[in-house]
Amino acid sequence: MGKYLFDTKGQMAVTKYHEKNKPAKFDKKQQLEKIRAEYLKKKQKQTDK
């Protein structure tokens, strides 16, 4: 037996808390799109000069 035992109500509260505080899932495609847009913007500024 563990040190702390929760009834079902307590377990639900704990899982709800962890789901709320979980960091947002890292989206690789979105990150690449963001980097690509910044790169294109920088490239455009260089060609304008």
Protein backbone atom coordinates (compact mmCIF):
# COMPACT_ATOMS: atom_id res chain seq x y z
CA MET A 1 0.00 0.00 0.00
CA GLY A 2 1.14 3.52 -0.78
CA LYS A 3 1.58 6.27 1.70
CA TYR A 4 -1.39 8.20 0.36
CA LEU A 5 -4.61 6.59 -0.77
CA PHE A 6 -7.30 8.55 -2.58
CA ASP A 7 -10.91 7.66 -3.05
CA THR A 8 -12.32 8.07 -6.57
CA LYS A 9 -13.30 11.70 -5.89
CA GLY A 10 -9.73 12.50 -4.80
CA GLN A 11 -8.23 10.71 -7.79
CA MET A 12 -10.46 12.67 -10.18
CA ALA A 13 -9.39 15.95 -8.56
CA VAL A 14 -5.71 15.02 -8.93
CA THR A 15 -6.02 14.02 -12.59
CA LYS A 16 -8.00 17.19 -13.35
CA TYR A 17 -5.29 19.29 -11.69
CA HIS A 18 -2.51 17.62 -13.68
CA GLU A 19 -4.37 17.95 -16.98
CA LYS A 20 -4.89 21.66 -16.35
CA ASN A 21 -1.23 22.28 -15.49
CA LYS A 22 0.26 20.13 -18.24
CA PRO A 23 2.32 22.25 -20.70
CA ALA A 24 0.91 22.70 -24.16
CA LYS A 25 1.92 19.96 -26.55
CA PHE A 26 4.84 20.92 -28.77
CA ASP A 27 3.70 21.15 -32.39
CA LYS A 28 6.67 20.64 -34.68
CA LYS A 29 4.85 21.60 -37.90
CA GLN A 30 3.62 24.85 -36.39
CA GLN A 31 7.12 25.65 -35.09
CA LEU A 32 8.68 25.01 -38.52
CA GLU A 33 6.06 27.19 -40.21
CA LYS A 34 6.82 30.02 -37.77
CA ILE A 35 10.57 29.76 -38.39
CA ARG A 36 10.02 29.65 -42.15
CA ALA A 37 7.84 32.78 -42.08
CA GLU A 38 10.47 34.67 -40.06
CA TYR A 39 13.20 33.55 -42.47
CA LEU A 40 11.23 34.65 -45.52
CA LYS A 41 10.52 38.02 -43.91
CA LYS A 42 14.22 38.51 -43.14
CA LYS A 43 15.18 37.43 -46.68
CA GLN A 44 12.67 39.90 -48.15
CA LYS A 45 14.18 42.78 -46.12
CA GLN A 46 17.68 41.90 -47.35
CA THR A 47 16.61 41.93 -51.00
CA ASP A 48 14.80 45.27 -50.57
CA LYS A 49 18.00 47.05 -49.46
